[in-house]
């Protein structure tokens, strides 16, 4: 069938919305989904810019939501008419997947960034030219997508599809980092470096966890104001890098932060976060950075802290379990991620990327033409 999709043809260049793209027949392990809306994520931007090795031309998009229109013969987890959010792909057969850790799939780069199915085929072409497909198992910057079953999360039909796509990555990552991985005890302290979609989700999750001191750090005052509305108890404008540690120590009465989450990938901020940790504190990063990025951690004086550093992927979540839980938290009013979104029509997708990069919008969502 012919579809419309936003195509990345050259690195660091705007996406091009193109008609007449051919979507091939379903494979047995896929479902065809009519995409209602898709979030724009920082990972889409870094792939567009060549940080990760997805072959071009490509159709990106990995925070999709839509309605199942057809199902491959091997698919057992959805049926025609189901409303679904789309999450990351994973192989389902490696040791990590079989241990209940699909976020750490041993084949994650092939599954999510390879641009091809496992058999080497691609679902998308135009006038004989192959386009990379199956980005995160979906490639949801398109009116329709052939989606691998591992990426499908069934939702109740009363949940607005134009809203829930970002639960597939950004909000899942931030909330999961807190609720699934760090699991702070009530009454503990937590700092979030960067209050975009991922950081905002972490702040909401910290409030749900019962953290009594939640510090938001960002260079945009407007985002810090939003962070306070979501549950932060204190804010620090991190533009003054040298003041970060003193600010955190002052807020905690000199004890330091129990937990710190970095969403920025900026080495100097990671260093400052480590310096501000309390005894037995934990620093985690969820940021996408270029290969070779190094962070200078001072070991000597910090050894007596007994602190932990860890990396977290996709909130260490099982999407089919965790994303419906986030929906229930949203319905209850405890995870108000709907306050963070701004909608764009498909032809304006590049403006969504711009607004996200300059900090004027926390989570852009593109509506697909129906």
Protein backbone atom coordinates (compact mmCIF):
# COMPACT_ATOMS: atom_id res chain seq x y z
CA UNK A 1 0.00 0.00 0.00
CA UNK A 2 1.06 3.62 -0.50
CA UNK A 3 1.58 5.82 2.53
CA UNK A 4 2.88 9.26 3.49
CA UNK A 5 6.00 9.46 5.66
CA UNK A 6 8.65 11.91 6.87
CA UNK A 7 11.99 10.84 5.40
CA UNK A 8 15.50 11.66 6.60
CA UNK A 9 17.59 11.80 3.45
CA UNK A 10 20.74 13.55 4.67
CA UNK A 11 22.32 13.94 8.09
CA UNK A 12 21.65 17.22 9.90
CA UNK A 13 19.00 18.18 7.36
CA UNK A 14 15.24 18.66 7.80
CA UNK A 15 12.90 15.72 7.34
CA UNK A 16 10.96 15.63 4.07
CA UNK A 17 7.27 14.68 4.12
CA UNK A 18 6.76 12.50 1.04
CA UNK A 19 3.75 10.82 -0.54
CA UNK A 20 3.84 7.69 -2.66
CA UNK A 21 5.98 5.57 -0.33
CA UNK A 22 5.33 1.85 -0.64
CA UNK A 23 4.71 -0.13 2.55
CA UNK A 24 5.22 -3.82 1.85
CA UNK A 25 3.23 -6.84 2.98
CA UNK A 26 3.24 -7.88 6.60
CA UNK A 27 5.69 -10.44 7.85
CA UNK A 28 4.24 -13.13 10.15
CA UNK A 29 5.53 -11.36 13.31
CA UNK A 30 4.16 -7.91 12.42
CA UNK A 31 0.94 -5.93 12.72
CA UNK A 32 -0.04 -3.06 10.46
CA UNK A 33 -0.86 0.01 12.53
CA UNK A 34 -2.57 3.18 11.32
CA UNK A 35 -0.58 5.83 13.16
CA UNK A 36 -2.67 8.50 14.86
CA UNK A 37 0.19 10.47 16.41
CA UNK A 38 3.87 10.16 17.23
CA UNK A 39 6.09 11.96 19.71
CA UNK A 40 9.33 13.63 18.68
CA UNK A 41 12.20 12.40 20.85
CA UNK A 42 15.83 13.48 21.26
CA UNK A 43 16.85 10.07 19.92
CA UNK A 44 15.14 10.89 16.61
CA UNK A 45 17.28 14.03 16.46
CA UNK A 46 20.58 12.31 17.20
CA UNK A 47 19.89 9.67 14.54
CA UNK A 48 18.94 12.38 12.06
CA UNK A 49 22.29 14.01 12.84
CA UNK A 50 24.33 10.83 12.40
CA UNK A 51 25.22 10.07 16.03
CA UNK A 52 23.79 6.54 15.73
CA UNK A 53 24.37 4.48 12.58
CA UNK A 54 20.89 4.03 11.08
CA UNK A 55 21.36 3.93 7.28
CA UNK A 56 19.81 6.76 5.26
CA UNK A 57 17.39 7.46 3.71
CA UNK A 58 15.22 6.42 6.65
CA UNK A 59 11.83 6.89 8.23
CA UNK A 60 12.31 7.51 11.95
CA UNK A 61 9.74 7.91 14.73
CA UNK A 62 9.61 5.65 17.77
CA UNK A 63 6.87 7.07 19.98
CA UNK A 64 3.89 6.09 17.88
CA UNK A 65 0.31 5.28 18.79
CA UNK A 66 -2.48 4.05 16.59
CA UNK A 67 -5.01 1.37 15.65
CA UNK A 68 -4.21 -2.15 14.46
CA UNK A 69 -5.57 -2.74 10.96
CA UNK A 70 -4.03 -6.12 10.11
CA UNK A 71 -2.16 -8.84 11.98
CA UNK A 72 0.49 -11.31 10.82
CA UNK A 73 -0.16 -15.00 11.31
CA UNK A 74 2.41 -15.38 14.11
CA UNK A 75 1.23 -12.38 16.16
CA UNK A 76 -0.58 -13.36 19.34
CA UNK A 77 -0.58 -10.22 21.50
CA UNK A 78 -2.90 -7.95 19.47
CA UNK A 79 -5.93 -8.19 17.22
CA UNK A 80 -7.47 -6.00 14.54
CA UNK A 81 -9.08 -2.92 16.08
CA UNK A 82 -6.84 -2.80 19.15
CA UNK A 83 -5.55 0.59 20.26
CA UNK A 84 -1.81 0.43 20.78
CA UNK A 85 1.16 2.45 21.90
CA UNK A 86 4.45 1.54 20.26
CA UNK A 87 7.60 0.94 22.26
CA UNK A 88 11.17 -0.13 21.49
CA UNK A 89 11.88 -3.44 19.78
CA UNK A 90 13.84 -6.27 21.33
CA UNK A 91 14.76 -9.72 20.07
CA UNK A 92 13.00 -11.73 22.77
CA UNK A 93 15.50 -14.60 22.57
CA UNK A 94 18.79 -13.37 24.07
CA UNK A 95 19.74 -13.97 27.71
CA UNK A 96 18.72 -10.48 28.79
CA UNK A 97 15.32 -10.65 27.10
CA UNK A 98 14.64 -14.08 28.56
CA UNK A 99 15.69 -12.80 31.98
CA UNK A 100 13.01 -10.12 31.88
CA UNK A 101 15.36 -7.29 30.87
CA UNK A 102 14.34 -6.42 27.29
CA UNK A 103 15.68 -2.87 27.66
CA UNK A 104 19.15 -4.43 27.74
CA UNK A 105 18.57 -6.74 24.75
CA UNK A 106 21.91 -8.00 23.46
CA UNK A 107 20.76 -7.23 19.92
CA UNK A 108 19.41 -3.74 20.63
CA UNK A 109 21.32 -1.91 17.91
CA UNK A 110 20.16 -4.28 15.19
CA UNK A 111 16.58 -4.30 16.46
CA UNK A 112 16.17 -0.55 17.01
CA UNK A 113 18.74 1.21 14.81
CA UNK A 114 19.56 -1.24 12.02
CA UNK A 115 16.88 -0.01 9.62
CA UNK A 116 16.07 -3.53 8.43
CA UNK A 117 14.18 -6.60 9.50
CA UNK A 118 16.08 -9.58 10.84
CA UNK A 119 16.01 -11.11 7.36
CA UNK A 120 17.62 -7.99 5.90
CA UNK A 121 14.50 -6.68 4.17
CA UNK A 122 12.99 -3.23 4.59
CA UNK A 123 9.29 -2.45 4.68
CA UNK A 124 9.60 0.87 2.83
CA UNK A 125 10.55 1.93 -0.69
CA UNK A 126 9.85 4.66 -3.21
CA UNK A 127 10.26 4.29 -6.96
CA UNK A 128 12.52 1.31 -6.40
CA UNK A 129 14.67 3.06 -3.79
CA UNK A 130 14.84 1.29 -0.45
CA UNK A 131 14.27 3.31 2.71
CA UNK A 132 15.34 2.19 6.16
CA UNK A 133 12.34 1.02 8.17
CA UNK A 134 11.58 -0.60 11.53
CA UNK A 135 13.25 2.14 13.54
CA UNK A 136 12.63 0.88 17.09
CA UNK A 137 10.52 -1.79 15.40
CA UNK A 138 8.08 0.78 14.04
CA UNK A 139 9.19 3.88 12.01
CA UNK A 140 6.11 5.77 13.14
CA UNK A 141 6.68 9.11 11.35
CA UNK A 142 4.28 7.70 8.77
CA UNK A 143 0.57 7.25 8.23
CA UNK A 144 0.98 3.46 8.55
CA UNK A 145 3.70 1.16 9.84
CA UNK A 146 4.41 -2.56 9.87
CA UNK A 147 5.32 -3.01 13.53
CA UNK A 148 7.05 -6.00 15.12
CA UNK A 149 4.97 -7.61 17.84
CA UNK A 150 7.56 -6.86 20.54
CA UNK A 151 6.85 -3.14 20.05
CA UNK A 152 3.07 -3.39 20.52
CA UNK A 153 1.42 -2.36 23.81
CA UNK A 154 -2.36 -2.70 23.98
CA UNK A 155 -4.21 0.13 25.72
CA UNK A 156 -7.78 0.68 26.84
CA UNK A 157 -9.84 2.35 24.14
CA UNK A 158 -10.77 5.27 26.39
CA UNK A 159 -7.12 6.45 26.36
CA UNK A 160 -6.53 9.24 23.79
CA UNK A 161 -4.21 7.90 21.11
CA UNK A 162 -2.99 11.36 20.14
CA UNK A 163 -1.50 11.69 23.63
CA UNK A 164 0.08 8.38 24.61
CA UNK A 165 2.83 7.83 22.03
CA UNK A 166 5.57 9.47 24.14
CA UNK A 167 4.99 6.87 26.83
CA UNK A 168 6.83 4.52 24.46
CA UNK A 169 10.20 6.15 25.05
CA UNK A 170 10.77 9.53 26.70
CA UNK A 171 8.29 9.39 29.57
CA UNK A 172 8.91 5.67 30.01
CA UNK A 173 12.65 6.33 30.32
CA UNK A 174 12.40 9.01 32.99
CA UNK A 175 9.67 7.42 35.07
CA UNK A 176 11.15 3.95 34.77
CA UNK A 177 14.60 5.14 35.84
CA UNK A 178 13.04 6.15 39.16
CA UNK A 179 10.30 3.57 39.69
CA UNK A 180 11.98 0.47 38.19
CA UNK A 181 15.69 1.05 38.73
CA UNK A 182 16.53 3.55 41.50
CA UNK A 183 13.44 2.88 43.64
CA UNK A 184 14.07 5.68 46.13
CA UNK A 185 12.60 5.19 49.58
CA UNK A 186 10.06 7.71 50.86
CA UNK A 187 11.76 10.67 52.48
CA UNK A 188 14.91 10.52 50.35
CA UNK A 189 16.39 13.25 48.13
CA UNK A 190 16.63 13.17 44.35
CA UNK A 191 18.04 15.62 41.79
CA UNK A 192 17.20 15.67 38.09
CA UNK A 193 19.65 17.28 35.66
CA UNK A 194 17.70 18.42 32.60
CA UNK A 195 13.93 18.86 32.73
CA UNK A 196 12.85 17.93 29.24
CA UNK A 197 10.42 15.06 28.72
CA UNK A 198 12.67 12.47 30.37
CA UNK A 199 13.58 14.67 33.33
CA UNK A 200 10.00 15.81 33.84
CA UNK A 201 8.87 12.18 33.97
CA UNK A 202 11.57 11.47 36.55
CA UNK A 203 10.34 14.36 38.70
CA UNK A 204 6.75 13.08 38.60
CA UNK A 205 7.96 9.58 39.46
CA UNK A 206 10.04 10.90 42.36
CA UNK A 207 6.92 12.53 43.78
CA UNK A 208 5.01 9.27 43.36
CA UNK A 209 7.84 7.48 45.22
CA UNK A 210 7.55 9.83 48.19
CA UNK A 211 10.85 11.70 47.79
CA UNK A 212 10.60 14.74 50.04
CA UNK A 213 13.35 16.78 48.39
CA UNK A 214 13.24 16.85 44.59
CA UNK A 215 15.64 19.26 42.90
CA UNK A 216 15.23 20.20 39.23
CA UNK A 217 18.23 21.61 37.35
CA UNK A 218 18.00 23.20 33.92
CA UNK A 219 19.15 26.28 32.00
CA UNK A 220 15.60 27.28 31.03
CA UNK A 221 13.67 29.11 33.76
CA UNK A 222 10.37 28.27 32.09
CA UNK A 223 11.12 24.56 32.40
CA UNK A 224 12.11 25.00 36.03
CA UNK A 225 8.75 26.65 36.69
CA UNK A 226 7.02 23.68 35.09
CA UNK A 227 9.13 21.31 37.18
CA UNK A 228 7.84 22.96 40.35
CA UNK A 229 4.28 22.42 39.16
CA UNK A 230 5.02 18.73 38.56
CA UNK A 231 6.49 18.03 41.99
CA UNK A 232 9.95 19.54 42.31
CA UNK A 233 10.56 21.15 45.70
CA UNK A 234 13.61 23.17 44.64
CA UNK A 235 15.20 24.40 41.40
CA UNK A 236 18.71 25.40 40.33
CA UNK A 237 19.55 27.13 37.07
CA UNK A 238 22.53 25.04 35.98
CA UNK A 239 23.83 27.66 33.57
CA UNK A 240 26.15 28.63 36.45
CA UNK A 241 27.99 25.30 36.44
CA UNK A 242 30.28 26.12 39.35
CA UNK A 243 27.31 26.88 41.61
CA UNK A 244 25.61 23.50 41.14
CA UNK A 245 27.36 21.57 43.90
CA UNK A 246 27.06 24.39 46.45
CA UNK A 247 23.38 24.76 45.62
CA UNK A 248 22.65 21.06 46.09
CA UNK A 249 24.63 20.88 49.34
CA UNK A 250 22.79 23.91 50.69
CA UNK A 251 19.39 22.42 49.85
CA UNK A 252 20.29 19.16 51.61
CA UNK A 253 21.85 20.77 54.66
CA UNK A 254 25.31 19.64 53.64
CA UNK A 255 24.44 15.94 53.42
CA UNK A 256 24.28 15.68 49.65
CA UNK A 257 21.76 14.07 47.31
CA UNK A 258 20.73 10.42 47.70
CA UNK A 259 19.89 10.01 44.02
CA UNK A 260 20.81 12.01 40.92
CA UNK A 261 19.57 11.42 37.37
CA UNK A 262 21.31 13.02 34.40
CA UNK A 263 19.35 13.42 31.17
CA UNK A 264 21.81 15.78 29.47
CA UNK A 265 24.92 13.71 28.75
CA UNK A 266 27.07 16.78 29.51
CA UNK A 267 30.26 15.49 31.18
CA UNK A 268 30.77 18.46 33.47
CA UNK A 269 27.24 18.11 34.85
CA UNK A 270 27.79 14.43 35.55
CA UNK A 271 30.95 15.34 37.42
CA UNK A 272 29.08 17.94 39.49
CA UNK A 273 26.31 15.47 40.22
CA UNK A 274 28.83 12.94 41.53
CA UNK A 275 30.42 15.59 43.73
CA UNK A 276 27.03 16.42 45.26
CA UNK A 277 26.10 12.84 46.18
CA UNK A 278 25.49 11.83 49.76
CA UNK A 279 27.16 8.81 51.33
CA UNK A 280 26.04 5.67 49.47
CA UNK A 281 24.40 7.88 46.88
CA UNK A 282 23.58 6.81 43.34
CA UNK A 283 24.14 8.71 40.09
CA UNK A 284 22.42 7.44 36.95
CA UNK A 285 22.51 8.68 33.38
CA UNK A 286 19.91 8.04 30.71
CA UNK A 287 21.35 10.39 28.07
CA UNK A 288 22.19 9.56 24.45
CA UNK A 289 25.72 10.77 23.77
CA UNK A 290 28.28 10.37 21.02
CA UNK A 291 30.60 7.38 21.14
CA UNK A 292 33.80 8.17 23.02
CA UNK A 293 32.25 10.67 25.46
CA UNK A 294 34.20 10.48 28.71
CA UNK A 295 33.38 11.78 32.20
CA UNK A 296 36.13 12.63 34.72
CA UNK A 297 35.18 11.17 38.10
CA UNK A 298 37.56 11.84 40.99
CA UNK A 299 38.13 8.57 42.83
CA UNK A 300 40.44 9.36 45.73
CA UNK A 301 38.38 11.60 47.99
CA UNK A 302 35.09 10.11 46.82
CA UNK A 303 36.05 6.52 47.63
CA UNK A 304 34.78 6.83 51.19
CA UNK A 305 31.32 7.76 49.89
CA UNK A 306 30.66 4.26 48.60
CA UNK A 307 28.70 5.77 45.75
CA UNK A 308 27.25 4.09 42.66
CA UNK A 309 27.22 5.12 39.01
CA UNK A 310 24.94 3.37 36.55
CA UNK A 311 23.51 3.74 33.08
CA UNK A 312 19.81 3.13 32.48
CA UNK A 313 18.15 2.27 29.17
CA UNK A 314 14.43 2.79 28.51
CA UNK A 315 13.71 2.99 32.21
CA UNK A 316 14.70 -0.68 32.68
CA UNK A 317 11.08 -1.41 31.86
CA UNK A 318 9.11 -4.18 30.24
CA UNK A 319 6.97 -1.87 28.07
CA UNK A 320 3.93 -4.15 27.93
CA UNK A 321 3.81 -4.08 31.75
CA UNK A 322 5.08 -0.62 32.65
CA UNK A 323 3.37 1.60 30.09
CA UNK A 324 -0.18 0.50 31.07
CA UNK A 325 0.83 1.28 34.67
CA UNK A 326 1.84 4.80 33.64
CA UNK A 327 -1.54 5.18 31.95
CA UNK A 328 -3.27 4.21 35.20
CA UNK A 329 -1.15 6.73 37.12
CA UNK A 330 -2.14 9.38 34.56
CA UNK A 331 -5.83 8.52 34.93
CA UNK A 332 -5.46 8.93 38.69
CA UNK A 333 -3.85 12.34 38.27
CA UNK A 334 -0.43 11.28 39.60
CA UNK A 335 1.43 11.38 36.26
CA UNK A 336 0.12 14.45 34.40
CA UNK A 337 2.33 14.18 31.33
CA UNK A 338 -0.44 15.66 29.21
CA UNK A 339 0.57 19.08 30.58
CA UNK A 340 3.92 18.83 28.78
CA UNK A 341 2.82 18.31 25.18
CA UNK A 342 2.30 20.54 22.18
CA UNK A 343 0.74 19.25 18.96
CA UNK A 344 2.02 19.78 15.41
CA UNK A 345 0.54 18.88 12.07
CA UNK A 346 2.60 16.48 10.00
CA UNK A 347 3.86 19.14 7.58
CA UNK A 348 5.22 21.06 10.58
CA UNK A 349 7.28 18.16 11.95
CA UNK A 350 10.57 20.01 11.58
CA UNK A 351 9.28 22.89 13.68
CA UNK A 352 8.63 20.37 16.41
CA UNK A 353 12.28 19.35 16.29
CA UNK A 354 13.36 23.00 16.46
CA UNK A 355 11.08 23.83 19.38
CA UNK A 356 12.25 20.80 21.32
CA UNK A 357 15.91 21.64 20.76
CA UNK A 358 15.59 25.27 21.87
CA UNK A 359 13.61 24.39 24.98
CA UNK A 360 10.35 26.14 24.14
CA UNK A 361 8.45 22.83 24.08
CA UNK A 362 8.99 19.86 26.35
CA UNK A 363 7.28 17.17 24.28
CA UNK A 364 6.24 17.79 20.67
CA UNK A 365 3.68 15.36 19.24
CA UNK A 366 2.95 15.11 15.54
CA UNK A 367 -0.59 14.32 14.42
CA UNK A 368 -0.68 12.10 11.35
CA UNK A 369 -3.22 12.80 8.58
CA UNK A 370 -6.16 10.39 8.87
